[in-house]
Structures are given as structure tokens and as C-alpha cells.
N, C-alpha and C. Protein backbone atom coordinates (compact mmCIF):
# COMPACT_ATOMS: atom_id res chain seq x y z
N UNK A 1 -4.51 -33.06 39.72
CA UNK A 1 -4.57 -31.82 40.46
C UNK A 1 -6.04 -31.43 40.64
N UNK A 2 -6.44 -31.21 41.84
CA UNK A 2 -7.84 -30.86 42.16
C UNK A 2 -7.98 -29.35 42.30
N UNK A 3 -8.92 -28.80 41.54
CA UNK A 3 -9.18 -27.36 41.60
C UNK A 3 -10.64 -27.16 41.96
N UNK A 4 -10.88 -26.37 42.97
CA UNK A 4 -12.26 -26.11 43.38
C UNK A 4 -12.80 -24.88 42.63
N UNK A 5 -14.11 -24.67 42.73
CA UNK A 5 -14.75 -23.55 42.04
C UNK A 5 -14.23 -22.21 42.55
N UNK A 6 -13.88 -22.12 43.81
CA UNK A 6 -13.43 -20.86 44.38
C UNK A 6 -12.02 -20.50 43.92
N UNK A 7 -11.26 -21.47 43.44
CA UNK A 7 -9.89 -21.21 43.01
C UNK A 7 -9.79 -20.80 41.54
N UNK A 8 -10.85 -20.98 40.77
CA UNK A 8 -10.79 -20.62 39.35
C UNK A 8 -10.72 -19.11 39.17
N UNK A 9 -9.89 -18.69 38.28
CA UNK A 9 -9.75 -17.26 38.01
C UNK A 9 -10.48 -16.93 36.69
N UNK A 10 -11.78 -16.82 36.79
CA UNK A 10 -12.58 -16.54 35.60
C UNK A 10 -13.31 -15.23 35.83
N UNK A 11 -13.20 -14.35 34.87
CA UNK A 11 -13.89 -13.08 34.95
C UNK A 11 -15.33 -13.29 34.51
N UNK A 12 -16.27 -12.99 35.38
CA UNK A 12 -17.67 -13.19 35.05
C UNK A 12 -18.34 -11.90 34.59
N UNK A 13 -17.60 -10.80 34.60
CA UNK A 13 -18.17 -9.54 34.15
C UNK A 13 -18.26 -9.53 32.63
N UNK A 14 -19.31 -8.97 32.11
CA UNK A 14 -19.47 -8.88 30.66
C UNK A 14 -18.73 -7.64 30.16
N UNK A 15 -18.04 -7.83 29.07
CA UNK A 15 -17.31 -6.72 28.47
C UNK A 15 -18.19 -6.08 27.41
N UNK A 16 -18.22 -4.77 27.39
CA UNK A 16 -18.97 -4.07 26.35
C UNK A 16 -18.13 -4.06 25.08
N UNK A 17 -18.75 -4.43 23.99
CA UNK A 17 -18.05 -4.44 22.71
C UNK A 17 -18.27 -3.12 22.00
N UNK A 18 -17.23 -2.67 21.34
CA UNK A 18 -17.30 -1.41 20.61
C UNK A 18 -18.03 -1.64 19.29
N UNK A 19 -18.99 -0.83 19.01
CA UNK A 19 -19.74 -0.93 17.76
C UNK A 19 -19.01 -0.13 16.71
N UNK A 20 -18.73 -0.77 15.57
CA UNK A 20 -18.05 -0.07 14.50
C UNK A 20 -19.02 0.83 13.77
N UNK A 21 -18.59 2.05 13.52
CA UNK A 21 -19.43 2.99 12.79
C UNK A 21 -19.32 2.71 11.30
N UNK A 22 -20.44 2.80 10.63
CA UNK A 22 -20.43 2.61 9.19
C UNK A 22 -19.89 3.86 8.53
N UNK A 23 -19.15 3.63 7.46
CA UNK A 23 -18.58 4.77 6.74
C UNK A 23 -19.68 5.48 5.97
N UNK A 24 -19.52 6.76 5.82
CA UNK A 24 -20.48 7.54 5.07
C UNK A 24 -20.39 7.23 3.58
N UNK A 25 -21.17 7.92 2.82
CA UNK A 25 -21.21 7.70 1.38
C UNK A 25 -20.10 8.51 0.70
N UNK A 26 -18.88 8.25 1.07
CA UNK A 26 -17.75 8.94 0.45
C UNK A 26 -17.42 8.26 -0.86
N UNK A 27 -16.97 9.04 -1.80
CA UNK A 27 -16.63 8.46 -3.09
C UNK A 27 -15.30 7.71 -3.00
N UNK A 28 -15.24 6.58 -3.66
CA UNK A 28 -14.05 5.74 -3.69
C UNK A 28 -13.58 5.57 -5.12
N UNK A 29 -12.33 5.20 -5.28
CA UNK A 29 -11.74 5.00 -6.60
C UNK A 29 -12.36 3.77 -7.26
N UNK A 30 -12.69 3.89 -8.56
CA UNK A 30 -13.26 2.76 -9.30
C UNK A 30 -12.22 1.67 -9.53
N UNK A 31 -10.96 2.03 -9.56
CA UNK A 31 -9.91 1.10 -9.93
C UNK A 31 -9.45 0.24 -8.74
N UNK A 32 -9.18 0.89 -7.59
CA UNK A 32 -8.61 0.16 -6.45
C UNK A 32 -9.40 0.35 -5.16
N UNK A 33 -10.48 1.12 -5.19
CA UNK A 33 -11.31 1.42 -4.03
C UNK A 33 -10.57 2.24 -2.97
N UNK A 34 -9.61 3.02 -3.42
CA UNK A 34 -8.86 3.89 -2.51
C UNK A 34 -9.56 5.22 -2.30
N UNK A 35 -9.06 5.98 -1.36
CA UNK A 35 -9.62 7.29 -1.05
C UNK A 35 -9.00 8.35 -1.96
N UNK A 36 -9.72 9.45 -2.14
CA UNK A 36 -9.23 10.54 -2.99
C UNK A 36 -8.61 11.63 -2.14
N UNK A 37 -7.58 12.25 -2.70
CA UNK A 37 -7.03 13.46 -2.08
C UNK A 37 -7.46 14.63 -2.94
N UNK A 38 -7.96 15.63 -2.31
CA UNK A 38 -8.50 16.76 -3.04
C UNK A 38 -7.45 17.83 -3.28
N UNK A 39 -7.46 18.37 -4.46
CA UNK A 39 -6.66 19.53 -4.78
C UNK A 39 -7.58 20.53 -5.47
N UNK A 40 -7.04 21.65 -5.91
CA UNK A 40 -7.87 22.69 -6.50
C UNK A 40 -8.52 22.23 -7.80
N UNK A 41 -7.75 21.58 -8.67
CA UNK A 41 -8.25 21.25 -10.00
C UNK A 41 -8.71 19.80 -10.14
N UNK A 42 -7.86 18.86 -9.72
CA UNK A 42 -8.12 17.44 -9.98
C UNK A 42 -8.06 16.67 -8.68
N UNK A 43 -9.02 15.76 -8.51
CA UNK A 43 -8.97 14.84 -7.38
C UNK A 43 -8.36 13.54 -7.87
N UNK A 44 -7.32 13.07 -7.18
CA UNK A 44 -6.65 11.83 -7.57
C UNK A 44 -6.67 10.85 -6.42
N UNK A 45 -6.56 9.58 -6.77
CA UNK A 45 -6.57 8.51 -5.77
C UNK A 45 -5.23 8.48 -5.03
N UNK A 46 -5.28 8.22 -3.74
CA UNK A 46 -4.05 8.13 -2.95
C UNK A 46 -3.26 6.86 -3.25
N UNK A 47 -3.97 5.77 -3.59
CA UNK A 47 -3.30 4.49 -3.77
C UNK A 47 -2.75 4.29 -5.18
N UNK A 48 -3.56 4.64 -6.21
CA UNK A 48 -3.11 4.35 -7.58
C UNK A 48 -2.83 5.60 -8.39
N UNK A 49 -3.26 6.77 -7.95
CA UNK A 49 -2.95 8.02 -8.63
C UNK A 49 -3.86 8.34 -9.81
N UNK A 50 -4.93 7.59 -10.00
CA UNK A 50 -5.83 7.85 -11.12
C UNK A 50 -6.83 8.94 -10.75
N UNK A 51 -7.41 9.56 -11.79
CA UNK A 51 -8.38 10.62 -11.56
C UNK A 51 -9.69 10.04 -11.04
N UNK A 52 -10.55 10.94 -10.56
CA UNK A 52 -11.80 10.51 -9.92
C UNK A 52 -12.74 9.81 -10.89
N UNK A 53 -12.85 10.26 -12.12
CA UNK A 53 -13.79 9.69 -13.08
C UNK A 53 -13.15 8.67 -14.00
N UNK A 54 -12.01 8.11 -13.62
CA UNK A 54 -11.31 7.14 -14.46
C UNK A 54 -12.11 5.83 -14.54
N UNK A 55 -12.31 5.33 -15.76
CA UNK A 55 -12.97 4.03 -15.98
C UNK A 55 -12.23 3.32 -17.10
N UNK A 56 -11.80 2.09 -16.84
CA UNK A 56 -11.14 1.29 -17.87
C UNK A 56 -11.60 -0.16 -17.73
N UNK A 57 -11.11 -1.02 -18.59
CA UNK A 57 -11.53 -2.43 -18.53
C UNK A 57 -10.96 -3.15 -17.31
N UNK A 58 -9.93 -2.58 -16.68
CA UNK A 58 -9.32 -3.21 -15.51
C UNK A 58 -9.90 -2.70 -14.19
N UNK A 59 -10.81 -1.75 -14.24
CA UNK A 59 -11.40 -1.20 -13.02
C UNK A 59 -12.26 -2.27 -12.35
N UNK A 60 -12.07 -2.44 -11.06
CA UNK A 60 -12.78 -3.47 -10.32
C UNK A 60 -14.14 -3.02 -9.83
N UNK A 61 -14.29 -1.75 -9.50
CA UNK A 61 -15.49 -1.26 -8.84
C UNK A 61 -16.27 -0.26 -9.68
N UNK A 62 -16.07 -0.26 -10.99
CA UNK A 62 -16.75 0.69 -11.87
C UNK A 62 -18.22 0.30 -12.02
N UNK A 63 -19.10 1.28 -12.15
CA UNK A 63 -20.51 0.97 -12.41
C UNK A 63 -20.66 0.28 -13.76
N UNK A 64 -21.68 -0.55 -13.89
CA UNK A 64 -21.86 -1.34 -15.10
C UNK A 64 -22.13 -0.48 -16.33
N UNK A 65 -22.83 0.63 -16.17
CA UNK A 65 -23.17 1.43 -17.34
C UNK A 65 -21.95 2.17 -17.90
N UNK A 66 -20.92 2.41 -17.07
CA UNK A 66 -19.72 3.10 -17.55
C UNK A 66 -18.65 2.14 -18.05
N UNK A 67 -18.71 0.89 -17.64
CA UNK A 67 -17.63 -0.05 -17.96
C UNK A 67 -17.71 -0.48 -19.42
N UNK A 68 -16.54 -0.62 -20.03
CA UNK A 68 -16.48 -1.05 -21.42
C UNK A 68 -16.75 -2.55 -21.50
N UNK A 69 -17.48 -2.95 -22.53
CA UNK A 69 -17.79 -4.37 -22.71
C UNK A 69 -16.64 -5.04 -23.45
N UNK A 70 -16.18 -6.18 -22.93
CA UNK A 70 -15.13 -6.94 -23.60
C UNK A 70 -15.78 -7.92 -24.57
N UNK A 71 -15.22 -8.01 -25.75
CA UNK A 71 -15.73 -8.94 -26.75
C UNK A 71 -14.68 -9.96 -27.07
N UNK A 72 -15.11 -11.19 -27.29
CA UNK A 72 -14.17 -12.27 -27.57
C UNK A 72 -13.68 -12.26 -29.00
């Protein structure tokens, strides 16, 4: 099958790509990196239900100075 250049259906216009905005410095859960829901007294995570300052040995995103050291 012979196809000439004039018969090709190719869009030559450039498409503008949407630039993703970077998220602000919002606080995230140390345990699951979820967002917090605010209430009057306690802020809890939407995904796991833990408090904002929760730190345990299973926390994935806890700062090093707050994390408990595991010993063999």
C-alpha cells in the first residue's frame, strides 16, 4: 500500500504540557505519609488514625533523632 506525505494524518502542532505544582511544606504523618485532619484538640491522620506527633519503631518517615534505635 503506497501512502504519500499528503495523506498522512499527523498532528504537527506542539501540545503544551501542564506543569505540576509542587506541594507546600504541609506536615505529613510519620507512619504512613498521610494527610492530617484537624479538629479542636487533636490532629489525626486520615489514613492510619495516629496522632500528629506519633513516633514508633514501625514509622517509615520519622526523623532520625526521634526514632527509637533497634538493638540486636
